[in-house]
Amino acid sequence: MRAAVFTVGAGLAAAYIASPAVFFAQSGISVILYNLGMKLRKIYFAAAVAALALGGWGGCSPRVTRYALKKAQLTSSRVYYVPAGQFGIVKFPPPPGAESDAQQQDLAATLAWQNKRTENDCFKARETAKADYDFFWGDKSPFPSPLPEEVKKFFIRLESDLGDALSTMKNRYERLRPYKAYPGQAVPCIKKTSGYSYPSGHSSYARVFAKVLADIVPARKDEFLEKADEIALDRVIGGVHYKTDIAAGKVFGDLFHAGLLKSEAYQKDIEKMKTLLVR
């Protein structure tokens, strides 16, 4: 069984390296989970193989898989727009201390949602957990269908930089998720996620996606930010984050987007995206 999994994983890894766009288009992998929380190259290699082997059955997201491949040095570590290193030292508010009143208030807010959420709330949180940039368009995407390859590649580049920056931030604070810090007391109703809690990855990604899409279609900025807030709150409702995690995700997202705006390469790509909109 292990040999079969490794063989499948190795084959998928080769397919990914040969053509990432074709691989992701054909693999049927769902999107937007993140951060495997592993630090050693050999662990990332094993994770990459496992992610690729399971990906065809919806086991891992393209973002998780790309991140594992990158850390295993199977793909490029190139910086496209924003270098991650700066987020290791940038001034950023830390999470509440483990024994602080603020931490107890954070826990109380998570438990309050736990006590009042409905199955419909949990179902929605499970759905928004899988949301990618397509989610923001709803049924009104301004791009042609199928999505142009240039658009896909742009968001892959964006995710590459954002994933590294977010991992750097999470590793600064190493905050445990509610269900890890308070086992048996905090009980999520959506899939548990590897990695640290602060800042929230979904909140960060959603905020950045919303602002990037607003750079492309400014008239819909308020709509995009509203959807980003919806994704963020669903992480608290689902029981996998504290309110301060999602607040920090928004702050981090704004910092990262500010870095994007300073990138000449990003500005050029945004102008290219605008030329690909349906006229």
C-alpha atoms as a PDB file:
ATOM      1  CA  MET A   1       0.000   0.000   0.000  1.00  0.00           C
ATOM      2  CA  ARG A   2       2.778   2.447   0.956  1.00  0.00           C
ATOM      3  CA  ALA A   3       4.688   1.618  -2.216  1.00  0.00           C
ATOM      4  CA  ALA A   4       1.566   2.226  -4.286  1.00  0.00           C
ATOM      5  CA  VAL A   5       0.953   5.590  -2.633  1.00  0.00           C
ATOM      6  CA  PHE A   6       4.565   6.637  -3.199  1.00  0.00           C
ATOM      7  CA  THR A   7       4.381   5.573  -6.852  1.00  0.00           C
ATOM      8  CA  VAL A   8       1.192   7.557  -7.411  1.00  0.00           C
ATOM      9  CA  GLY A   9       2.640  10.537  -5.546  1.00  0.00           C
ATOM     10  CA  ALA A  10       5.863  10.477  -7.516  1.00  0.00           C
ATOM     11  CA  GLY A  11       3.933  10.334 -10.779  1.00  0.00           C
ATOM     12  CA  LEU A  12       1.781  13.268  -9.773  1.00  0.00           C
ATOM     13  CA  ALA A  13       4.861  15.201  -8.655  1.00  0.00           C
ATOM     14  CA  ALA A  14       6.374  14.693 -12.090  1.00  0.00           C
ATOM     15  CA  ALA A  15       3.126  15.834 -13.718  1.00  0.00           C
ATOM     16  CA  TYR A  16       3.080  18.956 -11.542  1.00  0.00           C
ATOM     17  CA  ILE A  17       6.668  19.897 -12.367  1.00  0.00           C
ATOM     18  CA  ALA A  18       6.079  19.335 -16.088  1.00  0.00           C
ATOM     19  CA  SER A  19       3.014  21.575 -16.237  1.00  0.00           C
ATOM     20  CA  PRO A  20       1.521  23.104 -13.072  1.00  0.00           C
ATOM     21  CA  ALA A  21      -1.403  24.671 -14.916  1.00  0.00           C
ATOM     22  CA  VAL A  22      -2.436  21.405 -16.565  1.00  0.00           C
ATOM     23  CA  PHE A  23      -1.901  19.467 -13.343  1.00  0.00           C
ATOM     24  CA  PHE A  24      -4.174  21.694 -11.287  1.00  0.00           C
ATOM     25  CA  ALA A  25      -6.773  21.880 -14.051  1.00  0.00           C
ATOM     26  CA  GLN A  26      -7.016  18.078 -14.230  1.00  0.00           C
ATOM     27  CA  SER A  27      -6.385  16.982 -10.647  1.00  0.00           C
ATOM     28  CA  GLY A  28      -9.748  17.999  -9.164  1.00  0.00           C
ATOM     29  CA  ILE A  29      -8.072  19.329  -6.020  1.00  0.00           C
ATOM     30  CA  SER A  30     -10.142  21.766  -3.906  1.00  0.00           C
ATOM     31  CA  VAL A  31      -8.706  25.096  -2.758  1.00  0.00           C
ATOM     32  CA  ILE A  32      -7.698  27.310   0.148  1.00  0.00           C
ATOM     33  CA  LEU A  33      -6.244  25.316   3.044  1.00  0.00           C
ATOM     34  CA  TYR A  34      -2.777  26.215   4.118  1.00  0.00           C
ATOM     35  CA  ASN A  35       0.444  25.872   6.109  1.00  0.00           C
ATOM     36  CA  LEU A  36       1.470  22.269   6.750  1.00  0.00           C
ATOM     37  CA  GLY A  37       3.319  23.465   9.858  1.00  0.00           C
ATOM     38  CA  MET A  38       6.463  21.421   9.111  1.00  0.00           C
ATOM     39  CA  LYS A  39      10.002  22.796   9.169  1.00  0.00           C
ATOM     40  CA  LEU A  40      12.353  20.097   7.905  1.00  0.00           C
ATOM     41  CA  ARG A  41      12.925  19.474   4.218  1.00  0.00           C
ATOM     42  CA  LYS A  42      12.487  15.699   4.495  1.00  0.00           C
ATOM     43  CA  ILE A  43       9.125  16.203   6.183  1.00  0.00           C
ATOM     44  CA  TYR A  44       8.033  18.595   3.443  1.00  0.00           C
ATOM     45  CA  PHE A  45       9.084  16.051   0.828  1.00  0.00           C
ATOM     46  CA  ALA A  46       6.957  13.354   2.468  1.00  0.00           C
ATOM     47  CA  ALA A  47       4.097  15.804   2.797  1.00  0.00           C
ATOM     48  CA  ALA A  48       4.391  16.770  -0.871  1.00  0.00           C
ATOM     49  CA  VAL A  49       4.224  13.156  -1.984  1.00  0.00           C
ATOM     50  CA  ALA A  50       1.270  12.455   0.293  1.00  0.00           C
ATOM     51  CA  ALA A  51      -0.537  15.609  -0.796  1.00  0.00           C
ATOM     52  CA  LEU A  52      -0.092  14.761  -4.437  1.00  0.00           C
ATOM     53  CA  ALA A  53      -1.102  11.135  -3.917  1.00  0.00           C
ATOM     54  CA  LEU A  54      -4.287  12.126  -2.088  1.00  0.00           C
ATOM     55  CA  GLY A  55      -5.047  15.233  -4.092  1.00  0.00           C
ATOM     56  CA  GLY A  56      -7.116  13.517  -6.762  1.00  0.00           C
ATOM     57  CA  TRP A  57      -9.570  12.539  -4.055  1.00  0.00           C
ATOM     58  CA  GLY A  58      -9.904  16.047  -2.622  1.00  0.00           C
ATOM     59  CA  GLY A  59      -7.467  15.420   0.220  1.00  0.00           C
ATOM     60  CA  CYS A  60      -5.311  18.515  -0.173  1.00  0.00           C
ATOM     61  CA  SER A  61      -5.564  21.939  -1.739  1.00  0.00           C
ATOM     62  CA  PRO A  62      -3.356  23.274  -4.539  1.00  0.00           C
ATOM     63  CA  ARG A  63      -2.038  25.883  -2.090  1.00  0.00           C
ATOM     64  CA  VAL A  64      -1.035  23.224   0.459  1.00  0.00           C
ATOM     65  CA  THR A  65       0.537  21.116  -2.265  1.00  0.00           C
ATOM     66  CA  ARG A  66       2.471  24.023  -3.789  1.00  0.00           C
ATOM     67  CA  TYR A  67       3.699  25.050  -0.347  1.00  0.00           C
ATOM     68  CA  ALA A  68       4.956  21.525   0.444  1.00  0.00           C
ATOM     69  CA  LEU A  69       6.642  21.233  -2.941  1.00  0.00           C
ATOM     70  CA  LYS A  70       8.310  24.592  -2.455  1.00  0.00           C
ATOM     71  CA  LYS A  71       9.621  23.727   0.997  1.00  0.00           C
ATOM     72  CA  ALA A  72      10.839  20.368  -0.286  1.00  0.00           C
ATOM     73  CA  GLN A  73      12.725  22.348  -2.962  1.00  0.00           C
ATOM     74  CA  LEU A  74      10.842  20.598  -5.753  1.00  0.00           C
ATOM     75  CA  THR A  75       9.682  23.956  -7.093  1.00  0.00           C
ATOM     76  CA  SER A  76      11.153  27.440  -7.280  1.00  0.00           C
ATOM     77  CA  SER A  77      11.544  29.608  -4.162  1.00  0.00           C
ATOM     78  CA  ARG A  78      11.439  32.717  -6.318  1.00  0.00           C
ATOM     79  CA  VAL A  79       9.969  35.919  -4.908  1.00  0.00           C
ATOM     80  CA  TYR A  80       7.553  37.480  -7.382  1.00  0.00           C
ATOM     81  CA  TYR A  81       6.238  40.601  -5.661  1.00  0.00           C
ATOM     82  CA  VAL A  82       6.764  40.736  -1.886  1.00  0.00           C
ATOM     83  CA  PRO A  83       9.666  39.072   0.007  1.00  0.00           C
ATOM     84  CA  ALA A  84       8.593  37.135   3.088  1.00  0.00           C
ATOM     85  CA  GLY A  85      11.631  37.944   5.235  1.00  0.00           C
ATOM     86  CA  GLN A  86      10.393  41.394   6.211  1.00  0.00           C
ATOM     87  CA  PHE A  87       7.421  39.860   8.018  1.00  0.00           C
ATOM     88  CA  GLY A  88       9.745  38.249  10.512  1.00  0.00           C
ATOM     89  CA  ILE A  89      10.663  41.653  11.920  1.00  0.00           C
ATOM     90  CA  VAL A  90       7.851  44.015  10.889  1.00  0.00           C
ATOM     91  CA  LYS A  91       6.052  45.736  13.764  1.00  0.00           C
ATOM     92  CA  PHE A  92       2.894  43.745  14.373  1.00  0.00           C
ATOM     93  CA  PRO A  93       0.614  43.363  17.418  1.00  0.00           C
ATOM     94  CA  PRO A  94       1.103  39.988  19.168  1.00  0.00           C
ATOM     95  CA  PRO A  95      -1.802  37.762  20.211  1.00  0.00           C
ATOM     96  CA  PRO A  96      -3.105  37.899  23.787  1.00  0.00           C
ATOM     97  CA  GLY A  97      -0.963  36.171  26.410  1.00  0.00           C
ATOM     98  CA  ALA A  98      -1.997  32.629  27.302  1.00  0.00           C
ATOM     99  CA  GLU A  99      -3.163  33.531  30.814  1.00  0.00           C
ATOM    100  CA  SER A 100      -4.400  37.046  30.096  1.00  0.00           C
ATOM    101  CA  ASP A 101      -7.908  38.453  30.437  1.00  0.00           C
ATOM    102  CA  ALA A 102      -7.836  39.202  26.708  1.00  0.00           C
ATOM    103  CA  GLN A 103      -7.196  35.511  26.010  1.00  0.00           C
ATOM    104  CA  GLN A 104     -10.181  34.533  28.148  1.00  0.00           C
ATOM    105  CA  GLN A 105     -12.341  37.036  26.284  1.00  0.00           C
ATOM    106  CA  ASP A 106     -11.111  35.575  23.000  1.00  0.00           C
ATOM    107  CA  LEU A 107     -12.011  32.072  24.153  1.00  0.00           C
ATOM    108  CA  ALA A 108     -15.403  33.247  25.393  1.00  0.00           C
ATOM    109  CA  ALA A 109     -16.226  34.692  21.961  1.00  0.00           C
ATOM    110  CA  THR A 110     -15.299  31.407  20.250  1.00  0.00           C
ATOM    111  CA  LEU A 111     -17.363  29.390  22.729  1.00  0.00           C
ATOM    112  CA  ALA A 112     -20.313  31.773  22.348  1.00  0.00           C
ATOM    113  CA  TRP A 113     -20.431  30.959  18.647  1.00  0.00           C
ATOM    114  CA  GLN A 114     -19.969  27.289  19.436  1.00  0.00           C
ATOM    115  CA  ASN A 115     -23.073  27.377  21.647  1.00  0.00           C
ATOM    116  CA  LYS A 116     -25.328  29.229  19.222  1.00  0.00           C
ATOM    117  CA  ARG A 117     -24.189  28.110  15.774  1.00  0.00           C
ATOM    118  CA  THR A 118     -26.547  25.986  13.706  1.00  0.00           C
ATOM    119  CA  GLU A 119     -25.841  23.166  11.296  1.00  0.00           C
ATOM    120  CA  ASN A 120     -26.455  25.633   8.482  1.00  0.00           C
ATOM    121  CA  ASP A 121     -23.784  27.906   9.988  1.00  0.00           C
ATOM    122  CA  CYS A 122     -21.349  24.985  10.050  1.00  0.00           C
ATOM    123  CA  PHE A 123     -22.230  23.967   6.503  1.00  0.00           C
ATOM    124  CA  LYS A 124     -21.558  27.512   5.280  1.00  0.00           C
ATOM    125  CA  ALA A 125     -18.261  27.644   7.211  1.00  0.00           C
ATOM    126  CA  ARG A 126     -17.176  24.411   5.550  1.00  0.00           C
ATOM    127  CA  GLU A 127     -17.977  25.901   2.146  1.00  0.00           C
ATOM    128  CA  THR A 128     -16.176  29.215   2.684  1.00  0.00           C
ATOM    129  CA  ALA A 129     -13.161  27.282   4.002  1.00  0.00           C
ATOM    130  CA  LYS A 130     -12.718  26.025   0.433  1.00  0.00           C
ATOM    131  CA  ALA A 131     -13.188  29.434  -1.190  1.00  0.00           C
ATOM    132  CA  ASP A 132     -10.567  30.761  -3.582  1.00  0.00           C
ATOM    133  CA  TYR A 133     -10.458  33.968  -5.608  1.00  0.00           C
ATOM    134  CA  ASP A 134     -13.272  32.691  -7.858  1.00  0.00           C
ATOM    135  CA  PHE A 135     -15.593  32.842  -4.828  1.00  0.00           C
ATOM    136  CA  PHE A 136     -15.399  36.632  -4.791  1.00  0.00           C
ATOM    137  CA  TRP A 137     -16.817  36.974  -8.281  1.00  0.00           C
ATOM    138  CA  GLY A 138     -19.908  34.899  -7.515  1.00  0.00           C
ATOM    139  CA  ASP A 139     -21.777  34.457 -10.787  1.00  0.00           C
ATOM    140  CA  LYS A 140     -20.399  37.733 -12.147  1.00  0.00           C
ATOM    141  CA  SER A 141     -16.812  36.987 -13.110  1.00  0.00           C
ATOM    142  CA  PRO A 142     -15.439  39.712 -15.379  1.00  0.00           C
ATOM    143  CA  PHE A 143     -12.999  37.287 -16.980  1.00  0.00           C
ATOM    144  CA  PRO A 144     -13.778  35.021 -19.933  1.00  0.00           C
ATOM    145  CA  SER A 145     -14.663  31.380 -19.313  1.00  0.00           C
ATOM    146  CA  PRO A 146     -12.569  29.285 -19.213  1.00  0.00           C
ATOM    147  CA  LEU A 147     -10.255  31.454 -17.147  1.00  0.00           C
ATOM    148  CA  PRO A 148      -7.257  32.672 -19.184  1.00  0.00           C
ATOM    149  CA  GLU A 149      -3.954  31.000 -18.334  1.00  0.00           C
ATOM    150  CA  GLU A 150      -2.399  34.396 -17.592  1.00  0.00           C
ATOM    151  CA  VAL A 151      -4.960  34.950 -14.816  1.00  0.00           C
ATOM    152  CA  LYS A 152      -4.342  31.519 -13.295  1.00  0.00           C
ATOM    153  CA  LYS A 153      -0.587  32.054 -13.327  1.00  0.00           C
ATOM    154  CA  PHE A 154      -0.938  35.492 -11.753  1.00  0.00           C
ATOM    155  CA  PHE A 155      -2.813  34.096  -8.771  1.00  0.00           C
ATOM    156  CA  ILE A 156      -0.342  31.224  -8.420  1.00  0.00           C
ATOM    157  CA  ARG A 157       2.462  33.788  -8.184  1.00  0.00           C
ATOM    158  CA  LEU A 158       0.464  35.797  -5.680  1.00  0.00           C
ATOM    159  CA  GLU A 159      -0.262  32.723  -3.542  1.00  0.00           C
ATOM    160  CA  SER A 160       3.412  31.742  -3.589  1.00  0.00           C
ATOM    161  CA  ASP A 161       4.552  35.005  -2.017  1.00  0.00           C
ATOM    162  CA  LEU A 162       1.573  35.235   0.310  1.00  0.00           C
ATOM    163  CA  GLY A 163       2.016  31.684   1.614  1.00  0.00           C
ATOM    164  CA  ASP A 164       5.649  32.315   2.540  1.00  0.00           C
ATOM    165  CA  ALA A 165       4.848  35.620   4.222  1.00  0.00           C
ATOM    166  CA  LEU A 166       1.962  34.142   6.190  1.00  0.00           C
ATOM    167  CA  SER A 167       4.056  31.189   7.357  1.00  0.00           C
ATOM    168  CA  THR A 168       6.701  33.629   8.565  1.00  0.00           C
ATOM    169  CA  MET A 169       4.101  35.508  10.606  1.00  0.00           C
ATOM    170  CA  LYS A 170       2.549  32.378  12.113  1.00  0.00           C
ATOM    171  CA  ASN A 171       5.933  31.029  13.138  1.00  0.00           C
ATOM    172  CA  ARG A 172       6.691  34.284  14.960  1.00  0.00           C
ATOM    173  CA  TYR A 173       3.868  33.753  17.425  1.00  0.00           C
ATOM    174  CA  GLU A 174       3.135  29.998  17.392  1.00  0.00           C
ATOM    175  CA  ARG A 175      -0.330  30.491  18.846  1.00  0.00           C
ATOM    176  CA  LEU A 176      -2.256  27.275  19.323  1.00  0.00           C
ATOM    177  CA  ARG A 177      -5.702  26.954  17.816  1.00  0.00           C
ATOM    178  CA  PRO A 178      -8.668  26.958  20.215  1.00  0.00           C
ATOM    179  CA  TYR A 179      -9.247  23.206  20.006  1.00  0.00           C
ATOM    180  CA  LYS A 180      -5.554  22.534  20.731  1.00  0.00           C
ATOM    181  CA  ALA A 181      -5.294  25.023  23.580  1.00  0.00           C
ATOM    182  CA  TYR A 182      -8.596  23.936  25.148  1.00  0.00           C
ATOM    183  CA  PRO A 183      -9.209  20.310  24.101  1.00  0.00           C
ATOM    184  CA  GLY A 184     -12.680  19.100  24.958  1.00  0.00           C
ATOM    185  CA  GLN A 185     -13.863  22.632  25.631  1.00  0.00           C
ATOM    186  CA  ALA A 186     -13.448  24.213  22.212  1.00  0.00           C
ATOM    187  CA  VAL A 187     -14.943  21.839  19.635  1.00  0.00           C
ATOM    188  CA  PRO A 188     -14.895  22.845  15.942  1.00  0.00           C
ATOM    189  CA  CYS A 189     -17.678  21.853  13.569  1.00  0.00           C
ATOM    190  CA  ILE A 190     -15.472  22.096  10.479  1.00  0.00           C
ATOM    191  CA  LYS A 191     -12.288  20.316   9.466  1.00  0.00           C
ATOM    192  CA  LYS A 192      -9.364  20.890  11.797  1.00  0.00           C
ATOM    193  CA  THR A 193      -6.339  22.489  10.201  1.00  0.00           C
ATOM    194  CA  SER A 194      -2.616  22.020  10.743  1.00  0.00           C
ATOM    195  CA  GLY A 195      -0.490  24.968  11.702  1.00  0.00           C
ATOM    196  CA  TYR A 196      -0.703  27.879  14.079  1.00  0.00           C
ATOM    197  CA  SER A 197      -3.652  30.151  14.677  1.00  0.00           C
ATOM    198  CA  TYR A 198      -2.318  33.718  14.503  1.00  0.00           C
ATOM    199  CA  PRO A 199      -2.899  35.431  12.181  1.00  0.00           C
ATOM    200  CA  SER A 200      -5.729  33.543  10.486  1.00  0.00           C
ATOM    201  CA  GLY A 201      -4.659  32.286   7.072  1.00  0.00           C
ATOM    202  CA  HIS A 202      -8.145  32.340   5.587  1.00  0.00           C
ATOM    203  CA  SER A 203      -8.711  35.860   6.861  1.00  0.00           C
ATOM    204  CA  SER A 204      -5.346  36.950   5.426  1.00  0.00           C
ATOM    205  CA  TYR A 205      -5.894  35.309   2.040  1.00  0.00           C
ATOM    206  CA  ALA A 206      -9.434  36.627   1.785  1.00  0.00           C
ATOM    207  CA  ARG A 207      -8.339  40.166   2.608  1.00  0.00           C
ATOM    208  CA  VAL A 208      -5.505  40.097   0.076  1.00  0.00           C
ATOM    209  CA  PHE A 209      -7.670  38.536  -2.637  1.00  0.00           C
ATOM    210  CA  ALA A 210     -10.369  41.157  -2.034  1.00  0.00           C
ATOM    211  CA  LYS A 211      -7.906  44.026  -2.334  1.00  0.00           C
ATOM    212  CA  VAL A 212      -6.172  42.559  -5.376  1.00  0.00           C
ATOM    213  CA  LEU A 213      -9.492  42.016  -7.131  1.00  0.00           C
ATOM    214  CA  ALA A 214     -10.443  45.580  -6.215  1.00  0.00           C
ATOM    215  CA  ASP A 215      -7.233  46.731  -7.923  1.00  0.00           C
ATOM    216  CA  ILE A 216      -8.508  44.975 -11.046  1.00  0.00           C
ATOM    217  CA  VAL A 217     -12.175  46.024 -10.757  1.00  0.00           C
ATOM    218  CA  PRO A 218     -12.308  49.027  -8.372  1.00  0.00           C
ATOM    219  CA  ALA A 219     -16.070  49.473  -8.673  1.00  0.00           C
ATOM    220  CA  ARG A 220     -16.642  46.200  -6.792  1.00  0.00           C
ATOM    221  CA  LYS A 221     -14.276  46.883  -3.868  1.00  0.00           C
ATOM    222  CA  ASP A 222     -16.987  47.023  -1.198  1.00  0.00           C
ATOM    223  CA  GLU A 223     -18.480  43.749  -2.440  1.00  0.00           C
ATOM    224  CA  PHE A 224     -15.112  41.984  -2.312  1.00  0.00           C
ATOM    225  CA  LEU A 225     -14.269  43.230   1.183  1.00  0.00           C
ATOM    226  CA  GLU A 226     -17.682  42.155   2.454  1.00  0.00           C
ATOM    227  CA  LYS A 227     -17.056  38.621   1.179  1.00  0.00           C
ATOM    228  CA  ALA A 228     -13.600  38.620   2.771  1.00  0.00           C
ATOM    229  CA  ASP A 229     -15.164  39.531   6.123  1.00  0.00           C
ATOM    230  CA  GLU A 230     -17.673  36.707   5.649  1.00  0.00           C
ATOM    231  CA  ILE A 231     -14.909  34.152   5.116  1.00  0.00           C
ATOM    232  CA  ALA A 232     -13.011  35.449   8.138  1.00  0.00           C
ATOM    233  CA  LEU A 233     -15.965  35.301  10.548  1.00  0.00           C
ATOM    234  CA  ASP A 234     -16.813  31.768   9.409  1.00  0.00           C
ATOM    235  CA  ARG A 235     -13.446  30.652  10.815  1.00  0.00           C
ATOM    236  CA  VAL A 236     -14.577  31.727  14.299  1.00  0.00           C
ATOM    237  CA  ILE A 237     -18.063  30.293  13.811  1.00  0.00           C
ATOM    238  CA  GLY A 238     -16.518  26.999  12.725  1.00  0.00           C
ATOM    239  CA  GLY A 239     -14.383  26.917  15.878  1.00  0.00           C
ATOM    240  CA  VAL A 240     -10.888  26.913  14.358  1.00  0.00           C
ATOM    241  CA  HIS A 241      -9.913  30.500  15.217  1.00  0.00           C
ATOM    242  CA  TYR A 242     -10.273  33.288  17.752  1.00  0.00           C
ATOM    243  CA  LYS A 243     -11.640  36.727  16.886  1.00  0.00           C
ATOM    244  CA  THR A 244      -8.186  38.254  17.363  1.00  0.00           C
ATOM    245  CA  ASP A 245      -6.821  35.785  14.783  1.00  0.00           C
ATOM    246  CA  ILE A 246      -9.134  37.064  12.081  1.00  0.00           C
ATOM    247  CA  ALA A 247      -8.568  40.687  13.105  1.00  0.00           C
ATOM    248  CA  ALA A 248      -4.821  40.096  12.773  1.00  0.00           C
ATOM    249  CA  GLY A 249      -5.413  38.449   9.407  1.00  0.00           C
ATOM    250  CA  LYS A 250      -7.013  41.629   8.134  1.00  0.00           C
ATOM    251  CA  VAL A 251      -4.122  43.753   9.418  1.00  0.00           C
ATOM    252  CA  PHE A 252      -1.603  41.369   7.868  1.00  0.00           C
ATOM    253  CA  GLY A 253      -3.554  41.340   4.605  1.00  0.00           C
ATOM    254  CA  ASP A 254      -3.420  45.125   4.467  1.00  0.00           C
ATOM    255  CA  LEU A 255       0.338  45.082   5.143  1.00  0.00           C
ATOM    256  CA  PHE A 256       0.930  42.518   2.414  1.00  0.00           C
ATOM    257  CA  HIS A 257      -1.213  44.433  -0.064  1.00  0.00           C
ATOM    258  CA  ALA A 258       0.697  47.613   0.727  1.00  0.00           C
ATOM    259  CA  GLY A 259       3.838  45.690  -0.223  1.00  0.00           C
ATOM    260  CA  LEU A 260       2.218  44.610  -3.471  1.00  0.00           C
ATOM    261  CA  LEU A 261       1.471  48.201  -4.407  1.00  0.00           C
ATOM    262  CA  LYS A 262       5.193  48.991  -4.115  1.00  0.00           C
ATOM    263  CA  SER A 263       6.071  46.215  -6.581  1.00  0.00           C
ATOM    264  CA  GLU A 264       6.579  47.262 -10.174  1.00  0.00           C
ATOM    265  CA  ALA A 265       6.023  43.666 -11.287  1.00  0.00           C
ATOM    266  CA  TYR A 266       2.664  43.582  -9.485  1.00  0.00           C
ATOM    267  CA  GLN A 267       1.553  46.875 -11.017  1.00  0.00           C
ATOM    268  CA  LYS A 268       2.413  45.581 -14.482  1.00  0.00           C
ATOM    269  CA  ASP A 269       0.511  42.348 -13.854  1.00  0.00           C
ATOM    270  CA  ILE A 270      -2.565  44.242 -12.626  1.00  0.00           C
ATOM    271  CA  GLU A 271      -2.606  46.268 -15.830  1.00  0.00           C
ATOM    272  CA  LYS A 272      -2.312  43.000 -17.768  1.00  0.00           C
ATOM    273  CA  MET A 273      -5.263  41.540 -15.827  1.00  0.00           C
ATOM    274  CA  LYS A 274      -7.360  44.545 -16.783  1.00  0.00           C
ATOM    275  CA  THR A 275      -6.749  43.858 -20.483  1.00  0.00           C
ATOM    276  CA  LEU A 276      -8.120  40.327 -20.019  1.00  0.00           C
ATOM    277  CA  LEU A 277     -11.508  41.442 -18.673  1.00  0.00           C
ATOM    278  CA  VAL A 278     -14.589  40.750 -20.765  1.00  0.00           C
ATOM    279  CA  ARG A 279     -15.374  43.884 -22.741  1.00  0.00           C
END
